[in-house]
Amino acid sequence: MTRKTIPTEQEQIQEFNWFGKDRELKVGVIGCGARAHLALNAEKVDPNAHLVAVCEPHRLAEKRIQTRLKRQAIDHPLSDIELTATKSDDAAPIYHCETLPELIASGIDVAFVLSPDDTHAEITCELLQQKIPVYLEKPLAITMEGANAVLTTAYETKTPLYVGHNMRHMQVVRQMREEIRKGTIGEVKAVWCRHFVGAGGDFYFKDWHAQREHVNSLLLQKAAHDIDVIHWLTGQHSTEVVAMGGQTLYHQVKDRARHEDELMWDWYSNDNWPPLNQTGLNPQMDVEDLSMMLMKLTGGVFASYQQCHYTPDYWRNYTVIGTEGRMENFGDTQGGVIKIWRHRMGYQAEGDLEIPIVGDEGGHSDADLLTVKEFLEFVRTGKACDTNPVSAWHAVAAGIGATNSIRHGSTPQTWDQLPAAYLTYFDKYTNQ
């Protein structure tokens, strides 16, 4: 198969201009599960990007392609003539294959890796080795070996890699970061995050998410978001962590079932309450449902993250303490508010400054659209991104460290840092 001409390393570092603004892009998707719909955003934000192929080995793949991607699966790649004839059709047929080599051979230009977490590293490395730019759903990987392999492959092949830490595009995070950058609360000294995962029993304890072999820990699948936010808000990253946690509730639920042919939205319901009344939990469940971690960051900031998977409410709360004030969000989507206190007092419910959270009516889904737009602009024009693979690596490193701490008597954990050459390379396509 003939691949596109690859620019020199120097050209890529300077521009990453592989495709240009107007070229037709053939988009491939790996994994047609609960997050597959994210790839549909490619056609929403880029009129010249087209979903042409999906790799999904599940026996119900064709049904999932129809329900998740709204497409009819066919057994052969679309010809250029067929693609031209159907590109304006929202329900255009899409090539379905079961293996990654088949997907690569179909001639895709870019790929969305939306498969289970334990497959991220191997799949992404193979795509990068084939010079195919990748949008990788977070987490980067579930082991340090996997995370290191992905960054090394991206560095050595000079192939664009984008990790979908979409919370950097959520307005609550961007608005809080803007206040920090303006100096509204002075120099940041501490960040505390409380993560109330009200749908945890449905989303993470009934399918593969409940098994260490597939996720390692929910401090990767879930907390990687918030660890990355803490790092971005402070402009620092974790170098040492300690944590506690365990199976505190869901292990008591006796009703178990396998859901190989279902996806999380098939059983999700707010009526699944209280948590001990849950049914159909994964028989092989072995991840923690309550976790609490402490982090020491590079610039002297201290941070904490707490995660509970059986709260009645579902949102995350950040408290940021600086030398001249304190900031906290109440709600994390449109309709919520960021409150800032800047004088001494007792309890005061009203902030000295209150900033409405605007522009996130759809929460993660709004941010998904923006990350896909950023990815496609990046691979087309080299436009700098608000995230980079190094940031994703730092989030995974802290999450893995905290997991190891929990499972080894709450011992403090540190880890080796990345080579300086990697930092220099990936910083070249990141907004500073």
Protein backbone atom coordinates (compact mmCIF):
# COMPACT_ATOMS: atom_id res chain seq x y z
CA MET A 1 0.00 0.00 0.00
CA THR A 2 1.32 3.45 -0.92
CA ARG A 3 1.38 5.87 1.98
CA LYS A 4 1.54 9.65 1.86
CA THR A 5 4.94 11.36 1.68
CA ILE A 6 6.33 11.94 5.16
CA PRO A 7 7.90 15.36 5.86
CA THR A 8 11.39 15.53 7.31
CA GLU A 9 11.75 15.63 11.09
CA GLN A 10 12.60 19.34 11.01
CA GLU A 11 9.59 20.13 8.83
CA GLN A 12 7.32 18.22 11.18
CA ILE A 13 8.67 19.83 14.31
CA GLN A 14 8.16 23.26 12.77
CA GLU A 15 4.76 22.78 11.15
CA PHE A 16 3.19 19.31 11.45
CA ASN A 17 1.51 20.28 8.21
CA TRP A 18 0.65 16.85 6.87
CA PHE A 19 -2.67 17.38 5.19
CA GLY A 20 -3.44 21.06 4.64
CA LYS A 21 -6.81 22.70 5.14
CA ASP A 22 -8.75 21.30 2.20
CA ARG A 23 -7.66 17.71 1.68
CA GLU A 24 -10.29 15.02 2.04
CA LEU A 25 -9.46 13.06 5.19
CA LYS A 26 -10.36 9.40 5.58
CA VAL A 27 -11.11 8.76 9.25
CA GLY A 28 -10.86 5.33 10.84
CA VAL A 29 -12.33 4.29 14.19
CA ILE A 30 -11.00 1.57 16.48
CA GLY A 31 -13.68 0.41 18.89
CA CYS A 32 -17.43 0.80 18.48
CA GLY A 33 -18.45 0.90 22.12
CA ALA A 34 -19.81 3.50 24.48
CA ARG A 35 -17.44 6.26 23.29
CA ALA A 36 -17.67 5.55 19.56
CA HIS A 37 -20.01 8.48 19.00
CA LEU A 38 -17.09 10.83 19.70
CA ALA A 39 -15.75 10.10 16.21
CA LEU A 40 -18.95 11.46 14.66
CA ASN A 41 -17.74 14.90 15.68
CA ALA A 42 -15.10 14.71 12.95
CA GLU A 43 -17.72 15.24 10.28
CA LYS A 44 -19.48 17.91 12.33
CA VAL A 45 -16.42 20.13 12.67
CA ASP A 46 -14.66 19.40 9.36
CA PRO A 47 -16.61 19.19 6.08
CA ASN A 48 -13.70 17.39 4.44
CA ALA A 49 -13.35 14.66 7.07
CA HIS A 50 -15.28 11.44 6.51
CA LEU A 51 -15.72 8.31 8.58
CA VAL A 52 -14.79 5.52 6.21
CA ALA A 53 -13.82 2.51 8.33
CA VAL A 54 -14.34 1.01 11.77
CA CYS A 55 -12.45 -1.83 13.43
CA GLU A 56 -14.60 -3.76 15.91
CA PRO A 57 -14.22 -7.49 16.62
CA HIS A 58 -17.37 -7.91 18.72
CA ARG A 59 -19.93 -10.35 17.32
CA LEU A 60 -22.59 -7.61 17.40
CA ALA A 61 -20.35 -5.15 15.58
CA GLU A 62 -22.77 -4.43 12.75
CA LYS A 63 -25.56 -3.64 15.19
CA ARG A 64 -23.28 -1.38 17.21
CA ILE A 65 -22.13 0.42 14.09
CA GLN A 66 -25.75 1.10 13.24
CA THR A 67 -26.72 2.28 16.73
CA ARG A 68 -23.52 4.09 17.78
CA LEU A 69 -22.36 5.52 14.44
CA LYS A 70 -25.69 5.56 12.56
CA ARG A 71 -24.05 3.78 9.62
CA GLN A 72 -24.55 0.61 7.63
CA ALA A 73 -21.58 -1.74 7.80
CA ILE A 74 -20.17 -3.05 4.53
CA ASP A 75 -17.43 -5.63 3.97
CA HIS A 76 -15.13 -3.65 1.67
CA PRO A 77 -13.43 -0.24 1.79
CA LEU A 78 -15.19 2.54 -0.07
CA SER A 79 -13.63 3.52 -3.37
CA ASP A 80 -12.88 7.19 -3.96
CA ILE A 81 -15.87 7.31 -6.30
CA GLU A 82 -18.16 5.79 -3.65
CA LEU A 83 -16.78 8.15 -1.03
CA THR A 84 -17.44 11.18 -3.23
CA ALA A 85 -20.97 9.98 -3.95
CA THR A 86 -21.85 9.45 -0.28
CA LYS A 87 -19.83 12.07 1.59
CA SER A 88 -22.84 14.33 2.14
CA ASP A 89 -24.92 11.42 3.40
CA ASP A 90 -25.13 11.30 7.21
CA ALA A 91 -25.96 7.60 6.95
CA ALA A 92 -23.26 6.70 4.42
CA PRO A 93 -22.03 3.10 4.51
CA ILE A 94 -18.83 2.38 6.40
CA TYR A 95 -16.26 -0.37 5.97
CA HIS A 96 -16.24 -2.79 8.91
CA CYS A 97 -13.23 -4.95 9.70
CA GLU A 98 -12.18 -7.01 12.71
CA THR A 99 -8.41 -6.47 12.81
CA LEU A 100 -6.10 -3.48 12.95
CA PRO A 101 -4.03 -4.54 9.90
CA GLU A 102 -7.22 -4.59 7.83
CA LEU A 103 -8.08 -1.09 9.00
CA ILE A 104 -4.61 0.22 8.19
CA ALA A 105 -4.67 -1.43 4.77
CA SER A 106 -7.94 0.34 3.94
CA GLY A 107 -6.00 3.58 3.51
CA ILE A 108 -7.21 5.70 6.42
CA ASP A 109 -5.47 9.03 7.01
CA VAL A 110 -6.19 9.49 10.74
CA ALA A 111 -7.55 7.24 13.46
CA PHE A 112 -9.65 7.52 16.60
CA VAL A 113 -8.65 4.93 19.21
CA LEU A 114 -11.81 4.41 21.31
CA SER A 115 -11.26 0.82 22.40
CA PRO A 116 -10.96 -0.47 26.01
CA ASP A 117 -8.17 1.09 28.04
CA ASP A 118 -5.88 -1.94 28.12
CA THR A 119 -5.66 -1.90 24.31
CA HIS A 120 -4.68 1.76 23.96
CA ALA A 121 -0.91 1.41 23.99
CA GLU A 122 -0.52 -1.49 21.55
CA ILE A 123 -3.03 -0.15 19.03
CA THR A 124 -1.69 3.40 19.15
CA CYS A 125 1.92 2.32 18.73
CA GLU A 126 1.04 0.28 15.63
CA LEU A 127 -0.85 3.19 14.06
CA LEU A 128 1.96 5.64 14.79
CA GLN A 129 4.49 3.23 13.29
CA GLN A 130 2.37 3.29 10.14
CA LYS A 131 2.55 7.12 10.13
CA ILE A 132 -1.16 7.47 10.90
CA PRO A 133 -1.95 10.39 13.26
CA VAL A 134 -3.98 9.30 16.28
CA TYR A 135 -6.69 10.75 18.47
CA LEU A 136 -6.35 8.56 21.56
CA GLU A 137 -9.13 8.52 24.12
CA LYS A 138 -7.73 8.95 27.62
CA PRO A 139 -6.11 7.37 29.51
CA LEU A 140 -2.89 7.21 27.52
CA ALA A 141 -2.27 3.68 28.85
CA ILE A 142 -2.87 1.63 32.00
CA THR A 143 0.79 0.85 32.77
CA MET A 144 3.95 2.93 32.81
CA GLU A 145 5.46 0.56 30.26
CA GLY A 146 2.55 1.21 27.93
CA ALA A 147 2.60 4.97 28.47
CA ASN A 148 6.34 5.11 27.84
CA ALA A 149 5.98 3.02 24.69
CA VAL A 150 3.34 5.33 23.22
CA LEU A 151 5.38 8.49 23.80
CA THR A 152 8.56 6.85 22.54
CA THR A 153 6.81 5.71 19.36
CA ALA A 154 5.29 9.14 18.75
CA TYR A 155 8.68 10.75 19.34
CA GLU A 156 10.65 8.36 17.14
CA THR A 157 8.17 8.29 14.24
CA LYS A 158 7.38 12.00 14.47
CA THR A 159 3.72 11.14 13.95
CA PRO A 160 1.09 13.43 15.53
CA LEU A 161 -0.51 12.06 18.69
CA TYR A 162 -3.43 13.74 20.43
CA VAL A 163 -4.79 12.44 23.75
CA GLY A 164 -8.42 13.36 24.40
CA HIS A 165 -8.24 15.08 27.78
CA ASN A 166 -11.45 16.90 26.98
CA MET A 167 -11.86 18.59 30.36
CA ARG A 168 -9.30 21.17 29.25
CA HIS A 169 -12.10 22.36 26.98
CA MET A 170 -14.80 22.40 29.67
CA GLN A 171 -15.73 25.97 30.54
CA VAL A 172 -15.64 25.45 34.30
CA VAL A 173 -11.97 24.49 34.02
CA ARG A 174 -11.07 27.21 31.53
CA GLN A 175 -12.81 29.90 33.58
CA MET A 176 -11.09 28.83 36.79
CA ARG A 177 -7.74 28.72 35.02
CA GLU A 178 -8.29 32.20 33.65
CA GLU A 179 -8.87 33.57 37.16
CA ILE A 180 -5.68 31.88 38.33
CA ARG A 181 -3.72 33.34 35.42
CA LYS A 182 -5.11 36.80 36.17
CA GLY A 183 -3.86 36.50 39.75
CA THR A 184 -7.32 36.81 41.28
CA ILE A 185 -6.42 34.55 44.22
CA GLY A 186 -2.69 35.19 44.22
CA GLU A 187 -0.15 32.38 43.94
CA VAL A 188 -1.76 28.94 44.04
CA LYS A 189 -0.65 26.78 46.96
CA ALA A 190 -3.25 23.99 47.10
CA VAL A 191 -5.89 22.30 44.94
CA TRP A 192 -8.50 19.92 46.36
CA CYS A 193 -10.79 17.92 44.07
CA ARG A 194 -13.83 15.96 45.25
CA HIS A 195 -15.29 13.71 42.57
CA PHE A 196 -18.83 12.50 43.22
CA VAL A 197 -19.38 9.69 40.71
CA GLY A 198 -23.09 9.20 41.20
CA ALA A 199 -23.44 6.86 38.22
CA GLY A 200 -20.42 4.81 39.22
CA GLY A 201 -22.37 1.61 39.83
CA ASP A 202 -23.82 1.70 36.33
CA PHE A 203 -20.86 3.07 34.42
CA TYR A 204 -17.91 1.32 36.04
CA PHE A 205 -18.95 -1.79 37.95
CA LYS A 206 -20.98 -3.80 35.45
CA ASP A 207 -18.63 -4.26 32.50
CA TRP A 208 -14.89 -4.36 31.74
CA HIS A 209 -14.29 -1.11 33.65
CA ALA A 210 -14.62 -3.10 36.89
CA GLN A 211 -11.56 -5.27 36.17
CA ARG A 212 -7.95 -4.37 36.90
CA GLU A 213 -6.77 -6.26 33.83
CA HIS A 214 -8.66 -3.79 31.62
CA VAL A 215 -8.29 -0.48 33.52
CA ASN A 216 -5.70 -1.11 36.25
CA SER A 217 -7.65 1.33 38.44
CA LEU A 218 -10.44 3.87 38.19
CA LEU A 219 -7.77 6.39 39.16
CA LEU A 220 -6.86 6.08 35.47
CA GLN A 221 -10.23 5.68 33.75
CA LYS A 222 -11.81 8.48 35.83
CA ALA A 223 -9.18 10.37 37.82
CA ALA A 224 -6.87 10.91 34.84
CA HIS A 225 -9.28 13.71 33.87
CA ASP A 226 -9.02 15.48 37.19
CA ILE A 227 -5.33 14.90 37.77
CA ASP A 228 -4.73 16.50 34.39
CA VAL A 229 -6.96 19.43 35.35
CA ILE A 230 -5.05 19.93 38.60
CA HIS A 231 -1.78 19.91 36.67
CA TRP A 232 -3.15 22.37 34.08
CA LEU A 233 -4.62 24.77 36.63
CA THR A 234 -1.31 24.98 38.47
CA GLY A 235 1.10 24.70 35.56
CA GLN A 236 2.85 21.93 37.47
CA HIS A 237 2.79 18.13 37.60
CA SER A 238 2.93 15.50 40.31
CA THR A 239 6.23 13.93 41.35
CA GLU A 240 5.13 12.07 44.49
CA VAL A 241 1.80 10.60 45.61
CA VAL A 242 0.31 8.63 48.47
CA ALA A 243 -3.19 7.18 48.59
CA MET A 244 -5.80 5.13 50.43
CA GLY A 245 -8.85 3.34 49.10
CA GLY A 246 -10.61 0.06 48.68
CA GLN A 247 -13.74 -1.90 47.85
CA THR A 248 -16.10 -0.39 50.37
CA LEU A 249 -19.62 -1.01 49.04
CA TYR A 250 -20.13 -2.79 45.72
CA HIS A 251 -18.40 -5.97 46.88
CA GLN A 252 -21.43 -6.45 49.17
CA VAL A 253 -23.83 -6.64 46.21
CA LYS A 254 -24.50 -10.30 45.46
CA ASP A 255 -26.40 -9.96 42.18
CA ARG A 256 -23.86 -10.45 39.39
CA ALA A 257 -24.13 -10.77 35.62
CA ARG A 258 -22.06 -10.60 32.48
CA HIS A 259 -22.83 -7.89 29.94
CA GLU A 260 -20.68 -8.90 26.97
CA ASP A 261 -23.40 -7.94 24.50
CA GLU A 262 -24.45 -4.68 26.17
CA LEU A 263 -22.99 -1.19 26.62
CA MET A 264 -23.25 1.01 29.68
CA TRP A 265 -26.16 3.10 28.42
CA ASP A 266 -28.21 -0.09 28.02
CA TRP A 267 -28.55 -0.50 31.79
CA TYR A 268 -28.03 3.06 33.03
CA SER A 269 -30.88 4.52 35.12
CA ASN A 270 -31.18 7.05 37.93
CA ASP A 271 -33.66 4.60 39.43
CA ASN A 272 -30.78 2.26 40.30
CA TRP A 273 -30.76 3.49 43.91
CA PRO A 274 -29.70 3.01 46.65
CA PRO A 275 -26.32 1.59 45.62
CA LEU A 276 -26.69 -1.63 47.62
CA ASN A 277 -29.79 -2.40 45.56
CA GLN A 278 -27.73 -2.51 42.37
CA THR A 279 -28.02 -5.63 40.21
CA GLY A 280 -25.91 -7.18 37.50
CA LEU A 281 -22.46 -6.21 38.75
CA ASN A 282 -19.41 -7.72 37.06
CA PRO A 283 -18.60 -11.13 38.65
CA GLN A 284 -14.88 -10.36 38.27
CA MET A 285 -15.04 -6.89 39.82
CA ASP A 286 -11.75 -6.08 41.58
CA VAL A 287 -11.26 -2.29 41.35
CA GLU A 288 -11.71 0.15 44.22
CA ASP A 289 -14.97 2.11 44.58
CA LEU A 290 -13.50 4.69 46.98
CA SER A 291 -10.08 6.30 46.50
CA MET A 292 -8.28 9.26 48.07
CA MET A 293 -4.88 10.50 46.92
CA LEU A 294 -2.44 13.24 47.89
CA MET A 295 -0.03 14.79 45.39
CA LYS A 296 3.16 16.82 45.63
CA LEU A 297 3.70 18.94 42.52
CA THR A 298 6.89 20.23 40.92
CA GLY A 299 6.49 23.88 41.96
CA GLY A 300 5.56 23.28 45.57
CA VAL A 301 1.78 23.04 45.21
CA PHE A 302 0.06 20.29 47.20
CA ALA A 303 -3.11 18.69 45.86
CA SER A 304 -5.68 16.07 46.78
CA TYR A 305 -8.21 14.03 44.84
CA GLN A 306 -11.09 12.01 46.28
CA GLN A 307 -13.32 9.70 44.23
CA CYS A 308 -16.50 7.92 45.36
CA HIS A 309 -18.62 5.78 43.06
CA TYR A 310 -21.86 5.62 45.05
CA THR A 311 -22.81 9.22 45.82
CA PRO A 312 -26.37 10.36 44.98
CA ASP A 313 -25.03 13.28 42.90
CA TYR A 314 -22.67 13.25 39.92
CA TRP A 315 -20.27 16.18 39.55
CA ARG A 316 -16.80 17.30 40.55
CA ASN A 317 -15.79 20.11 42.87
CA TYR A 318 -12.46 21.93 42.73
CA THR A 319 -11.21 24.13 45.54
CA VAL A 320 -8.16 26.24 44.70
CA ILE A 321 -6.39 28.09 47.51
CA GLY A 322 -3.96 30.90 46.79
CA THR A 323 -2.03 33.48 48.75
CA GLU A 324 -4.80 36.05 48.24
CA GLY A 325 -8.03 34.07 48.13
CA ARG A 326 -9.95 30.85 47.58
CA MET A 327 -11.92 29.70 44.55
CA GLU A 328 -14.48 26.90 44.32
CA ASN A 329 -16.95 25.69 41.71
CA PHE A 330 -20.53 24.69 42.52
CA GLY A 331 -21.73 22.59 39.62
CA ASP A 332 -19.47 21.86 36.68
CA THR A 333 -21.66 22.67 33.68
CA GLN A 334 -23.76 25.58 32.47
CA GLY A 335 -25.95 26.86 35.29
CA GLY A 336 -23.27 26.33 37.91
CA VAL A 337 -21.16 29.06 39.46
CA ILE A 338 -17.54 29.69 40.43
CA LYS A 339 -17.23 31.52 43.76
CA ILE A 340 -14.18 33.45 44.92
CA TRP A 341 -13.52 34.80 48.42
CA ARG A 342 -10.86 37.47 48.90
CA HIS A 343 -11.18 38.76 52.49
CA ARG A 344 -11.16 37.26 55.99
CA MET A 345 -14.53 36.17 57.39
CA GLY A 346 -16.42 33.38 59.06
CA TYR A 347 -18.76 31.27 56.96
CA GLN A 348 -20.11 33.20 53.97
CA ALA A 349 -22.14 31.35 51.35
CA GLU A 350 -21.90 34.17 48.84
CA GLY A 351 -18.56 34.75 47.16
CA ASP A 352 -16.93 38.15 46.95
CA LEU A 353 -16.93 37.39 43.25
CA GLU A 354 -19.31 34.96 41.55
CA ILE A 355 -18.78 33.88 37.96
CA PRO A 356 -21.53 31.95 36.13
CA ILE A 357 -20.35 28.85 34.27
CA VAL A 358 -21.38 29.39 30.66
CA GLY A 359 -21.09 27.42 27.45
CA ASP A 360 -21.11 23.85 28.77
CA GLU A 361 -24.75 22.85 28.59
CA GLY A 362 -23.72 19.43 27.33
CA GLY A 363 -20.81 18.97 29.73
CA HIS A 364 -18.36 16.42 28.33
CA SER A 365 -20.13 16.28 24.97
CA ASP A 366 -19.47 19.96 24.30
CA ALA A 367 -15.83 19.44 25.22
CA ASP A 368 -15.64 16.34 23.00
CA LEU A 369 -16.60 18.44 19.99
CA LEU A 370 -13.87 20.95 20.77
CA THR A 371 -11.16 18.32 21.23
CA VAL A 372 -11.99 16.71 17.89
CA LYS A 373 -11.89 20.12 16.23
CA GLU A 374 -8.52 20.81 17.84
CA PHE A 375 -7.14 17.44 16.73
CA LEU A 376 -8.17 17.90 13.11
CA GLU A 377 -6.83 21.46 12.99
CA PHE A 378 -3.58 20.16 14.43
CA VAL A 379 -3.07 17.42 11.83
CA ARG A 380 -4.14 19.73 9.03
CA THR A 381 -2.19 22.90 9.87
CA GLY A 382 0.03 22.22 12.87
CA LYS A 383 -2.04 24.57 15.02
CA ALA A 384 -0.91 24.32 18.66
CA CYS A 385 -3.12 22.35 21.05
CA ASP A 386 -4.18 22.98 24.65
CA THR A 387 -3.01 19.52 25.66
CA ASN A 388 -0.15 17.25 24.71
CA PRO A 389 1.01 13.66 25.23
CA VAL A 390 3.41 14.67 28.00
CA SER A 391 0.50 16.04 30.04
CA ALA A 392 -1.39 12.80 29.47
CA TRP A 393 1.69 10.88 30.60
CA HIS A 394 1.94 12.92 33.81
CA ALA A 395 -1.73 12.21 34.62
CA VAL A 396 -1.26 8.48 34.07
CA ALA A 397 1.97 8.42 36.10
CA ALA A 398 0.24 10.02 39.09
CA GLY A 399 -2.79 7.73 38.79
CA ILE A 400 -0.65 4.60 38.57
CA GLY A 401 1.47 5.81 41.47
CA ALA A 402 -1.63 6.35 43.61
CA THR A 403 -2.97 2.93 42.66
CA ASN A 404 0.30 1.30 43.66
CA SER A 405 0.19 3.22 46.94
CA ILE A 406 -3.34 1.98 47.73
CA ARG A 407 -2.41 -1.62 46.97
CA HIS A 408 0.87 -1.51 48.91
CA GLY A 409 -0.08 -0.19 52.31
CA SER A 410 -0.40 3.50 51.39
CA THR A 411 3.33 3.83 50.78
CA PRO A 412 4.54 7.02 49.06
CA GLN A 413 5.28 6.53 45.36
CA THR A 414 7.64 8.28 42.96
CA TRP A 415 8.59 7.45 39.37
CA ASP A 416 11.21 8.19 36.74
CA GLN A 417 10.58 11.29 34.64
CA LEU A 418 10.60 11.55 30.85
CA PRO A 419 13.75 12.30 28.84
CA ALA A 420 14.29 16.03 28.27
CA ALA A 421 14.22 15.49 24.51
CA TYR A 422 10.60 14.30 24.73
CA LEU A 423 9.57 17.42 26.63
CA THR A 424 11.20 19.69 24.05
CA TYR A 425 9.68 17.81 21.14
CA PHE A 426 6.08 17.66 22.37
CA ASP A 427 6.12 21.23 23.71
CA LYS A 428 6.58 22.45 20.15
CA TYR A 429 2.93 21.79 19.37
CA THR A 430 1.39 22.87 22.66
CA ASN A 431 -0.10 26.22 23.66
CA GLN A 432 2.05 27.63 26.45
